[in-house]
Amino acid sequence: MERVLREFPEVTTVVSRVGRPDIGSDPMGISQADVFVMLKSRSAWRPGLTKTALVTEMEARLKARVAGLAFGFTQPVAMRLNELISGVRADLAVKVFGEDPDENRRVAEQVAAVVNAVPGASQVQVEATEGQGYLNVRMNRDAMARFGIPMREVQEALETAVGGRPVSQIVEGSYAVDVSVQYPTELKASPEAIAAITIPTPSGARIALSQLSDIRLETGPVQVSRERAQRLVVVQANVEGRDLGGFVADVRQAIDARVRIPPGMFLVYGGQFENQERAMAKLKVVVPVAICLIGVLLYASLRSWVLAGLVFANLPFAAAGGIVALWLRGLHLSVSASIGFIALFGVAVLNGLVLLTTVQRRRDEGLDAAAAAETGSRERLRPVLMTALVASIGFIPVALSHGTGAEVQRPLATVVIGGLVTSTLLTLLVLPALYVRLASSGSRMPQPEPRS
């Protein structure tokens, strides 16, 4: 893998870390490896090449030239966050819980096939649970009894042959080092060699281990994963080309329709999307509360629920521009984009309040609704444009950024810029027209104060 990845001109260094780490918070098996790929600055990349396209090229070349591996692309910080959230290193994890390991594996394979068929799925893989080689030695107690050999003698011979057996210690200063007895490599390199190990009998004869046991090289579990004291197999996948929330919703629907879960088994969904779900759940509470508070403040300022509703009419104007901007740039609704909508609504409400306050002031001076709306729009043109331009121009570098954190910053800035374009135009053109229409229809609006 390192040799293949170094062939890309954008790659500077490739470093691998294989096996289980020293820290217990890193859930990494002995058959896993982290391959860190360091890239050159974007100015040195091939013209027009994006990070997504580079990852796609790497994935295709690795699949074509490195067989027998399952791999996924991520970043160090994102990988660590995913591990801390749900113990996996991908955007989505489907955890298959059950007591039967074989049944867990069968259902997990079905789930992986369904997930792989969902548009946007990438690097789908099932946790490795089978394929580890085991040397199984099954003792024949009848044969051992016939030769008068106790079980302990056979176990000690196996321990010495395969792993080595400590028999003494050497003390060097404050350190004590075990002295182990081991068989030469050629006498333990194969099941046949181990079967030829001899065990002494009470009569002095030596009996081959093959006469006392059944020795076979078999495959078994690589690992037995547990969570909350229950066995599980993890199916994980990354998402490309679409929003994570919509992808997870489609995966759930597809699994419910096409995978039959046996009694006693259940699925749990985890991964990066859990952050989005938690954030969206909080926003469902915070945003309505904030809007209600804004409405109260607007009523206190404008002395009319009708005028407060007119100011709130700016919100769909702004939201439409933000959604169109996301669509034009190929971005998806994420937590950062949701935060961008909140910031956008603040500016939109401010511009609407500034305009309607001026219009009401002109009505207090004796102008009718149409004249007041026209005069107020002319007077507030520059302040409204200035407010929108300052925010929009300030967010342009963020919207075009490609550095660290750009994945989070771009959606937020795109929403604000796109929303301010539509909000500003509609505030200056549509809001005055709505004011005149409501005033002429006899709506309950504050009447002009009599001039002294």
Protein backbone atom coordinates (compact mmCIF):
# COMPACT_ATOMS: atom_id res chain seq x y z
CA MET A 1 0.00 0.00 0.00
CA GLU A 2 2.82 2.42 0.80
CA ARG A 3 4.52 1.78 -2.54
CA VAL A 4 1.26 2.32 -4.44
CA LEU A 5 0.42 5.54 -2.57
CA ARG A 6 3.92 6.99 -3.09
CA GLU A 7 3.35 6.85 -6.86
CA PHE A 8 0.94 9.81 -6.62
CA PRO A 9 2.76 13.12 -7.28
CA GLU A 10 0.70 14.83 -4.55
CA VAL A 11 2.06 12.51 -1.83
CA THR A 12 5.19 13.42 0.13
CA THR A 13 5.40 10.71 2.81
CA VAL A 14 3.56 7.53 3.77
CA VAL A 15 3.93 6.06 7.26
CA SER A 16 2.18 2.96 8.60
CA ARG A 17 1.36 1.88 12.14
CA VAL A 18 0.54 -1.81 12.41
CA GLY A 19 -0.96 -3.75 15.30
CA ARG A 20 -2.44 -2.93 18.64
CA PRO A 21 -1.28 0.37 20.22
CA ASP A 22 -0.23 0.84 23.81
CA ILE A 23 -3.19 3.03 24.80
CA GLY A 24 -6.44 1.35 25.72
CA SER A 25 -8.66 4.05 24.17
CA ASP A 26 -7.69 3.03 20.63
CA PRO A 27 -9.89 0.04 19.64
CA MET A 28 -7.50 -1.41 17.08
CA GLY A 29 -6.96 -5.10 16.45
CA ILE A 30 -3.66 -6.79 15.71
CA SER A 31 -4.72 -7.30 12.08
CA GLN A 32 -5.34 -3.59 11.46
CA ALA A 33 -3.01 -0.84 10.28
CA ASP A 34 -3.18 2.94 10.09
CA VAL A 35 -1.55 4.28 6.93
CA PHE A 36 -0.85 8.01 7.24
CA VAL A 37 -0.53 9.81 3.90
CA MET A 38 1.05 13.26 3.96
CA LEU A 39 0.20 15.50 1.00
CA LYS A 40 1.87 18.48 -0.63
CA SER A 41 0.25 21.91 -0.53
CA ARG A 42 -2.67 22.31 -2.94
CA SER A 43 -0.66 24.63 -5.17
CA ALA A 44 1.56 21.66 -6.06
CA TRP A 45 -1.34 19.35 -7.01
CA ARG A 46 -2.33 18.57 -10.58
CA PRO A 47 -4.54 21.33 -12.06
CA GLY A 48 -8.22 20.90 -11.23
CA LEU A 49 -7.64 17.99 -8.85
CA THR A 50 -9.79 18.03 -5.70
CA LYS A 51 -9.34 16.06 -2.52
CA THR A 52 -12.38 13.91 -3.30
CA ALA A 53 -11.02 13.07 -6.75
CA LEU A 54 -7.61 12.23 -5.26
CA VAL A 55 -9.16 9.87 -2.73
CA THR A 56 -11.18 8.21 -5.51
CA GLU A 57 -8.00 7.67 -7.56
CA MET A 58 -6.16 6.21 -4.56
CA GLU A 59 -9.05 3.88 -3.76
CA ALA A 60 -9.28 2.60 -7.34
CA ARG A 61 -5.55 1.98 -7.62
CA LEU A 62 -5.34 0.21 -4.25
CA LYS A 63 -8.27 -2.06 -5.13
CA ALA A 64 -6.62 -2.97 -8.44
CA ARG A 65 -3.14 -3.68 -7.07
CA VAL A 66 -3.54 -4.72 -3.42
CA ALA A 67 -5.77 -7.75 -2.93
CA GLY A 68 -7.37 -9.14 0.22
CA LEU A 69 -7.73 -5.88 2.14
CA ALA A 70 -10.64 -3.77 3.33
CA PHE A 71 -9.80 -0.12 3.82
CA GLY A 72 -11.41 3.28 4.37
CA PHE A 73 -10.20 6.87 4.01
CA THR A 74 -10.48 9.35 6.85
CA GLN A 75 -8.44 12.00 8.69
CA PRO A 76 -6.67 11.66 12.06
CA VAL A 77 -8.90 14.03 14.04
CA ALA A 78 -12.11 12.78 12.39
CA MET A 79 -11.02 9.19 12.99
CA ARG A 80 -10.39 9.83 16.67
CA LEU A 81 -13.74 11.59 17.10
CA ASN A 82 -15.56 8.72 15.39
CA GLU A 83 -13.80 6.22 17.66
CA LEU A 84 -14.75 8.15 20.78
CA ILE A 85 -18.38 8.51 19.63
CA SER A 86 -19.15 4.97 18.55
CA GLY A 87 -15.92 2.96 18.44
CA VAL A 88 -15.69 2.92 14.63
CA ARG A 89 -13.67 4.83 12.08
CA ALA A 90 -16.35 5.72 9.55
CA ASP A 91 -19.28 8.05 8.95
CA LEU A 92 -21.83 5.29 9.53
CA ALA A 93 -21.69 2.10 11.59
CA VAL A 94 -24.41 -0.53 11.71
CA LYS A 95 -23.84 -2.74 14.75
CA VAL A 96 -25.37 -6.20 14.56
CA PHE A 97 -25.98 -7.61 18.05
CA GLY A 98 -26.68 -11.26 18.77
CA GLU A 99 -25.44 -14.26 20.74
CA ASP A 100 -24.57 -16.52 17.78
CA PRO A 101 -21.33 -15.35 16.07
CA ASP A 102 -22.13 -17.19 12.83
CA GLU A 103 -25.61 -15.69 12.67
CA ASN A 104 -24.20 -12.23 13.45
CA ARG A 105 -21.78 -12.59 10.55
CA ARG A 106 -24.51 -13.75 8.16
CA VAL A 107 -26.79 -10.82 8.99
CA ALA A 108 -23.86 -8.40 8.82
CA GLU A 109 -23.03 -9.59 5.29
CA GLN A 110 -26.64 -8.97 4.27
CA VAL A 111 -26.58 -5.50 5.83
CA ALA A 112 -23.32 -4.67 4.03
CA ALA A 113 -24.81 -5.70 0.68
CA VAL A 114 -27.84 -3.48 1.29
CA VAL A 115 -25.73 -0.51 2.42
CA ASN A 116 -23.44 -0.87 -0.61
CA ALA A 117 -26.47 -0.54 -2.91
CA VAL A 118 -27.57 2.79 -1.39
CA PRO A 119 -26.45 5.79 -3.49
CA GLY A 120 -23.53 7.58 -1.84
CA ALA A 121 -22.12 4.54 -0.04
CA SER A 122 -18.35 4.23 -0.16
CA GLN A 123 -15.77 1.89 1.39
CA VAL A 124 -18.35 -0.46 2.88
CA GLN A 125 -16.76 -3.20 4.95
CA VAL A 126 -17.67 -5.80 7.54
CA GLU A 127 -15.56 -6.17 10.65
CA ALA A 128 -13.14 -9.09 10.34
CA THR A 129 -14.32 -11.86 12.63
CA GLU A 130 -13.13 -15.10 10.95
CA GLY A 131 -9.97 -16.34 9.26
CA GLN A 132 -7.43 -16.55 12.08
CA GLY A 133 -5.36 -19.76 12.04
CA TYR A 134 -5.44 -21.89 15.20
CA LEU A 135 -3.45 -24.98 16.10
CA ASN A 136 -5.98 -27.05 18.03
CA VAL A 137 -4.69 -29.92 20.14
CA ARG A 138 -7.51 -32.14 21.44
CA MET A 139 -6.28 -34.52 24.12
CA ASN A 140 -7.20 -38.21 24.05
CA ARG A 141 -7.68 -39.01 27.72
CA ASP A 142 -8.06 -42.73 27.08
CA ALA A 143 -4.69 -42.91 25.31
CA MET A 144 -3.00 -40.89 28.07
CA ALA A 145 -4.48 -43.20 30.71
CA ARG A 146 -3.31 -46.25 28.77
CA PHE A 147 0.28 -45.03 28.76
CA GLY A 148 0.09 -43.62 32.29
CA ILE A 149 0.86 -40.05 31.22
CA PRO A 150 -0.85 -37.31 33.25
CA MET A 151 -2.43 -34.30 31.54
CA ARG A 152 0.06 -31.95 33.19
CA GLU A 153 3.01 -33.63 31.44
CA VAL A 154 1.43 -33.12 28.03
CA GLN A 155 0.52 -29.49 28.76
CA GLU A 156 4.05 -28.67 29.93
CA ALA A 157 5.52 -30.25 26.80
CA LEU A 158 3.21 -28.18 24.58
CA GLU A 159 3.96 -25.00 26.51
CA THR A 160 7.69 -25.55 26.17
CA ALA A 161 7.49 -26.42 22.49
CA VAL A 162 5.19 -23.67 21.25
CA GLY A 163 5.68 -20.70 23.55
CA GLY A 164 8.66 -21.43 25.75
CA ARG A 165 8.64 -22.10 29.46
CA PRO A 166 10.40 -19.97 32.10
CA VAL A 167 12.69 -22.14 34.27
CA SER A 168 14.83 -19.58 36.06
CA GLN A 169 15.71 -15.88 36.33
CA ILE A 170 18.80 -13.76 35.86
CA VAL A 171 19.00 -10.70 38.09
CA GLU A 172 20.82 -7.73 36.58
CA GLY A 173 20.81 -4.81 38.99
CA SER A 174 17.17 -4.03 39.72
CA TYR A 175 15.87 -6.03 36.76
CA ALA A 176 14.95 -9.72 36.74
CA VAL A 177 14.95 -11.45 33.36
CA ASP A 178 13.28 -14.81 32.82
CA VAL A 179 15.31 -17.67 31.40
CA SER A 180 13.07 -19.71 29.10
CA VAL A 181 13.51 -23.10 27.51
CA GLN A 182 12.31 -23.27 23.92
CA TYR A 183 12.38 -25.80 21.13
CA PRO A 184 14.35 -24.98 18.00
CA THR A 185 12.27 -23.38 15.28
CA GLU A 186 12.42 -26.38 12.97
CA LEU A 187 10.83 -28.56 15.69
CA LYS A 188 7.74 -26.33 16.07
CA ALA A 189 7.28 -24.76 12.64
CA SER A 190 4.41 -27.00 11.50
CA PRO A 191 1.62 -29.18 12.93
CA GLU A 192 3.59 -32.26 11.84
CA ALA A 193 6.67 -31.13 13.75
CA ILE A 194 4.64 -30.50 16.89
CA ALA A 195 2.92 -33.88 16.48
CA ALA A 196 6.38 -35.50 16.59
CA ILE A 197 7.14 -34.12 20.07
CA THR A 198 7.66 -36.99 22.48
CA ILE A 199 6.29 -37.26 26.01
CA PRO A 200 8.05 -39.46 28.62
CA THR A 201 6.10 -42.27 30.24
CA PRO A 202 6.60 -43.61 33.80
CA SER A 203 8.41 -46.62 32.30
CA GLY A 204 10.96 -44.41 30.54
CA ALA A 205 9.58 -44.80 27.03
CA ARG A 206 8.71 -41.72 24.95
CA ILE A 207 5.41 -41.46 23.13
CA ALA A 208 4.77 -39.07 20.24
CA LEU A 209 2.20 -36.37 20.89
CA SER A 210 0.25 -37.53 17.82
CA GLN A 211 -0.54 -40.78 19.67
CA LEU A 212 -2.00 -38.88 22.62
CA SER A 213 -4.00 -36.18 20.86
CA ASP A 214 -5.66 -35.01 17.65
CA ILE A 215 -3.67 -32.10 16.19
CA ARG A 216 -5.23 -29.93 13.50
CA LEU A 217 -4.61 -26.50 11.97
CA GLU A 218 -8.04 -24.84 11.80
CA THR A 219 -9.48 -21.38 11.22
CA GLY A 220 -11.35 -19.53 13.93
CA PRO A 221 -12.35 -16.05 15.08
CA VAL A 222 -9.96 -13.15 14.64
CA GLN A 223 -11.66 -11.34 17.50
CA VAL A 224 -14.86 -11.46 19.50
CA SER A 225 -16.20 -7.92 19.85
CA ARG A 226 -18.52 -7.02 22.67
CA GLU A 227 -20.42 -3.92 23.70
CA ARG A 228 -22.52 -3.72 26.83
CA ALA A 229 -21.66 -7.41 27.43
CA GLN A 230 -23.24 -8.43 24.10
CA ARG A 231 -21.54 -9.85 21.02
CA LEU A 232 -21.65 -7.77 17.87
CA VAL A 233 -20.33 -7.44 14.33
CA VAL A 234 -19.85 -3.95 12.89
CA VAL A 235 -20.65 -2.90 9.32
CA GLN A 236 -19.15 0.49 8.51
CA ALA A 237 -19.31 2.81 5.52
CA ASN A 238 -18.34 6.29 4.44
CA VAL A 239 -20.51 8.72 2.47
CA GLU A 240 -19.59 10.50 -0.74
CA GLY A 241 -21.58 12.93 -2.86
CA ARG A 242 -24.59 13.41 -0.60
CA ASP A 243 -25.62 14.54 2.87
CA LEU A 244 -25.00 12.18 5.77
CA GLY A 245 -28.47 12.53 7.32
CA GLY A 246 -30.29 11.63 4.11
CA PHE A 247 -27.93 8.72 3.49
CA VAL A 248 -28.57 7.25 6.94
CA ALA A 249 -32.33 7.62 6.46
CA ASP A 250 -32.13 5.73 3.15
CA VAL A 251 -29.95 3.02 4.73
CA ARG A 252 -32.45 2.49 7.54
CA GLN A 253 -35.34 2.27 5.11
CA ALA A 254 -33.48 -0.20 2.86
CA ILE A 255 -32.42 -2.43 5.76
CA ASP A 256 -35.94 -2.50 7.19
CA ALA A 257 -37.31 -3.53 3.81
CA ARG A 258 -34.69 -6.06 2.69
CA VAL A 259 -33.01 -7.57 5.76
CA ARG A 260 -34.84 -9.99 8.04
CA ILE A 261 -33.53 -9.76 11.60
CA PRO A 262 -33.90 -13.09 13.45
CA PRO A 263 -35.46 -13.12 16.93
CA GLY A 264 -33.00 -12.17 19.65
CA MET A 265 -30.94 -9.95 17.35
CA PHE A 266 -31.11 -6.19 16.84
CA LEU A 267 -29.32 -3.38 15.02
CA VAL A 268 -27.86 -0.15 16.41
CA TYR A 269 -26.82 2.73 14.15
CA GLY A 270 -23.79 4.81 15.09
CA GLY A 271 -20.98 6.88 13.65
CA GLN A 272 -20.41 10.49 12.74
CA PHE A 273 -24.08 11.13 12.00
CA GLU A 274 -24.78 10.83 15.75
CA ASN A 275 -23.20 14.28 16.19
CA GLN A 276 -25.51 15.69 13.55
CA GLU A 277 -28.58 14.10 15.11
CA ARG A 278 -27.72 15.47 18.55
CA ALA A 279 -27.05 18.94 17.14
CA MET A 280 -30.25 18.94 15.09
CA ALA A 281 -32.25 17.81 18.12
CA LYS A 282 -30.91 20.76 20.10
CA LEU A 283 -31.54 23.16 17.22
CA LYS A 284 -35.18 22.02 17.07
CA VAL A 285 -35.55 23.42 20.57
CA VAL A 286 -33.19 26.40 20.46
CA VAL A 287 -34.36 27.89 17.14
CA PRO A 288 -38.10 28.06 17.99
CA VAL A 289 -37.31 29.55 21.38
CA ALA A 290 -35.04 32.16 19.79
CA ILE A 291 -37.69 33.02 17.19
CA CYS A 292 -40.32 33.48 19.91
CA LEU A 293 -38.01 35.81 21.84
CA ILE A 294 -37.28 37.79 18.68
CA GLY A 295 -41.01 38.06 18.05
CA VAL A 296 -41.58 39.49 21.53
CA LEU A 297 -38.79 42.03 21.06
CA LEU A 298 -40.17 43.01 17.65
CA TYR A 299 -43.62 43.56 19.12
CA ALA A 300 -42.14 45.73 21.84
CA SER A 301 -40.34 47.80 19.19
CA LEU A 302 -43.07 48.01 16.52
CA ARG A 303 -46.18 47.86 18.79
CA SER A 304 -47.89 45.48 16.35
CA TRP A 305 -47.96 41.75 15.79
CA VAL A 306 -48.76 42.45 12.13
CA LEU A 307 -45.56 44.44 11.65
CA ALA A 308 -43.61 41.80 13.60
CA GLY A 309 -45.01 39.20 11.19
CA LEU A 310 -43.87 41.35 8.27
CA VAL A 311 -40.33 41.33 9.65
CA PHE A 312 -40.51 37.56 9.98
CA ALA A 313 -41.46 37.41 6.29
CA ASN A 314 -37.79 38.10 5.65
CA LEU A 315 -36.87 34.68 7.02
CA PRO A 316 -38.23 32.59 4.10
CA PHE A 317 -36.74 35.17 1.72
CA ALA A 318 -33.35 34.59 3.30
CA ALA A 319 -33.74 30.81 3.61
CA ALA A 320 -34.52 30.49 -0.10
CA GLY A 321 -31.26 32.15 -1.07
CA GLY A 322 -29.24 30.03 1.34
CA ILE A 323 -30.74 26.79 0.02
CA VAL A 324 -30.14 27.80 -3.61
CA ALA A 325 -26.53 28.73 -2.81
CA LEU A 326 -25.91 25.34 -1.20
CA TRP A 327 -27.42 23.60 -4.24
CA LEU A 328 -25.35 25.61 -6.73
CA ARG A 329 -22.11 24.76 -4.90
CA GLY A 330 -22.99 21.10 -4.44
CA LEU A 331 -22.97 21.33 -0.63
CA HIS A 332 -25.31 19.60 1.78
CA LEU A 333 -27.31 20.71 4.78
CA SER A 334 -25.05 20.11 7.77
CA VAL A 335 -24.72 21.41 11.30
CA SER A 336 -22.47 24.26 10.15
CA ALA A 337 -24.98 25.18 7.42
CA SER A 338 -27.74 25.23 10.06
CA ILE A 339 -25.66 27.63 12.15
CA GLY A 340 -25.26 29.75 9.02
CA PHE A 341 -29.04 29.97 8.67
CA ILE A 342 -29.30 31.21 12.27
CA ALA A 343 -26.73 33.97 11.60
CA LEU A 344 -28.49 34.81 8.34
CA PHE A 345 -31.88 35.14 10.04
CA GLY A 346 -30.40 37.61 12.49
CA VAL A 347 -29.21 39.93 9.72
CA ALA A 348 -32.51 39.54 7.82
CA VAL A 349 -34.57 40.46 10.89
CA LEU A 350 -32.31 43.46 11.54
CA ASN A 351 -32.76 44.79 7.99
CA GLY A 352 -36.52 44.32 8.13
CA LEU A 353 -36.74 46.08 11.47
CA VAL A 354 -34.67 49.03 10.22
CA LEU A 355 -36.89 49.43 7.16
CA LEU A 356 -40.27 49.13 8.92
CA THR A 357 -39.20 51.45 11.74
CA THR A 358 -38.39 54.13 9.18
CA VAL A 359 -41.67 53.53 7.32
CA GLN A 360 -43.66 53.89 10.53
CA ARG A 361 -41.82 57.08 11.37
CA ARG A 362 -42.80 58.58 8.00
CA ARG A 363 -46.44 57.63 8.60
CA ASP A 364 -46.29 59.40 11.94
CA GLU A 365 -45.21 62.48 9.99
CA GLY A 366 -48.48 62.39 8.03
CA LEU A 367 -47.65 60.42 4.88
CA ASP A 368 -50.01 57.74 3.64
CA ALA A 369 -48.94 54.07 3.57
CA ALA A 370 -47.69 54.04 -0.05
CA ALA A 371 -45.72 57.25 0.25
CA ALA A 372 -44.28 56.20 3.61
CA ALA A 373 -43.19 52.82 2.20
CA GLU A 374 -41.52 54.42 -0.82
CA THR A 375 -39.80 57.15 1.20
CA GLY A 376 -38.65 54.70 3.89
CA SER A 377 -37.22 52.31 1.30
CA ARG A 378 -35.26 55.13 -0.34
CA GLU A 379 -33.88 56.32 2.99
CA ARG A 380 -32.91 52.85 4.23
CA LEU A 381 -31.41 51.67 0.93
CA ARG A 382 -27.84 52.47 1.87
CA PRO A 383 -27.95 51.16 5.46
CA VAL A 384 -29.57 47.89 4.34
CA LEU A 385 -27.09 47.44 1.49
CA MET A 386 -24.19 48.28 3.78
CA THR A 387 -25.25 45.71 6.36
CA ALA A 388 -25.64 43.00 3.70
CA LEU A 389 -22.44 43.83 1.82
CA VAL A 390 -20.26 43.91 4.94
CA ALA A 391 -21.41 40.44 5.97
CA SER A 392 -21.27 39.04 2.42
CA ILE A 393 -17.83 40.38 1.52
CA GLY A 394 -16.46 39.29 4.88
CA PHE A 395 -17.60 35.71 4.26
CA ILE A 396 -16.25 35.40 0.69
CA PRO A 397 -12.73 34.24 1.73
CA VAL A 398 -14.33 31.68 4.07
CA ALA A 399 -16.63 30.39 1.32
CA LEU A 400 -13.67 29.92 -1.05
CA SER A 401 -11.24 28.47 1.52
CA HIS A 402 -9.57 25.07 1.10
CA GLY A 403 -7.38 24.96 4.19
CA THR A 404 -7.80 23.41 7.58
CA GLY A 405 -11.44 23.42 8.67
CA ALA A 406 -12.76 24.41 5.24
CA GLU A 407 -15.26 21.55 5.28
CA VAL A 408 -16.99 23.20 8.23
CA GLN A 409 -16.58 26.84 7.17
CA ARG A 410 -17.71 26.65 3.54
CA PRO A 411 -21.36 25.64 4.16
CA LEU A 412 -21.81 28.34 6.80
CA ALA A 413 -20.38 31.11 4.62
CA THR A 414 -22.28 29.92 1.52
CA VAL A 415 -25.60 30.04 3.35
CA VAL A 416 -24.97 33.56 4.67
CA ILE A 417 -23.86 34.98 1.30
CA GLY A 418 -26.66 33.39 -0.73
CA GLY A 419 -29.31 34.24 1.84
CA LEU A 420 -28.25 37.88 2.10
CA VAL A 421 -28.57 38.34 -1.68
CA THR A 422 -32.22 37.27 -1.77
CA SER A 423 -33.06 38.75 1.62
CA THR A 424 -31.71 42.19 0.72
CA LEU A 425 -33.50 42.34 -2.64
CA LEU A 426 -36.79 41.14 -1.24
CA THR A 427 -36.53 43.38 1.83
CA LEU A 428 -36.21 46.47 -0.37
CA LEU A 429 -38.79 45.42 -2.99
CA VAL A 430 -41.34 42.99 -1.54
CA LEU A 431 -41.52 44.11 2.10
CA PRO A 432 -42.71 47.69 1.29
CA ALA A 433 -45.32 46.27 -1.11
CA LEU A 434 -46.60 43.92 1.57
CA TYR A 435 -46.76 46.82 4.02
CA VAL A 436 -48.91 48.87 1.64
CA ARG A 437 -51.17 45.89 0.94
CA LEU A 438 -51.75 45.19 4.63
CA ALA A 439 -52.33 48.86 5.40
CA SER A 440 -54.93 49.18 2.65
CA SER A 441 -56.72 45.96 3.68
CA GLY A 442 -57.57 47.32 7.10
CA SER A 443 -55.19 45.10 9.11
CA ARG A 444 -54.69 45.97 12.72
CA MET A 445 -51.55 48.09 12.42
CA PRO A 446 -50.47 50.92 14.71
CA GLN A 447 -52.10 54.15 13.62
CA PRO A 448 -50.00 57.22 12.93
CA GLU A 449 -49.58 59.37 15.99
CA PRO A 450 -51.34 62.76 15.64
CA ARG A 451 -48.93 65.59 14.83
CA SER A 452 -48.75 68.31 17.41
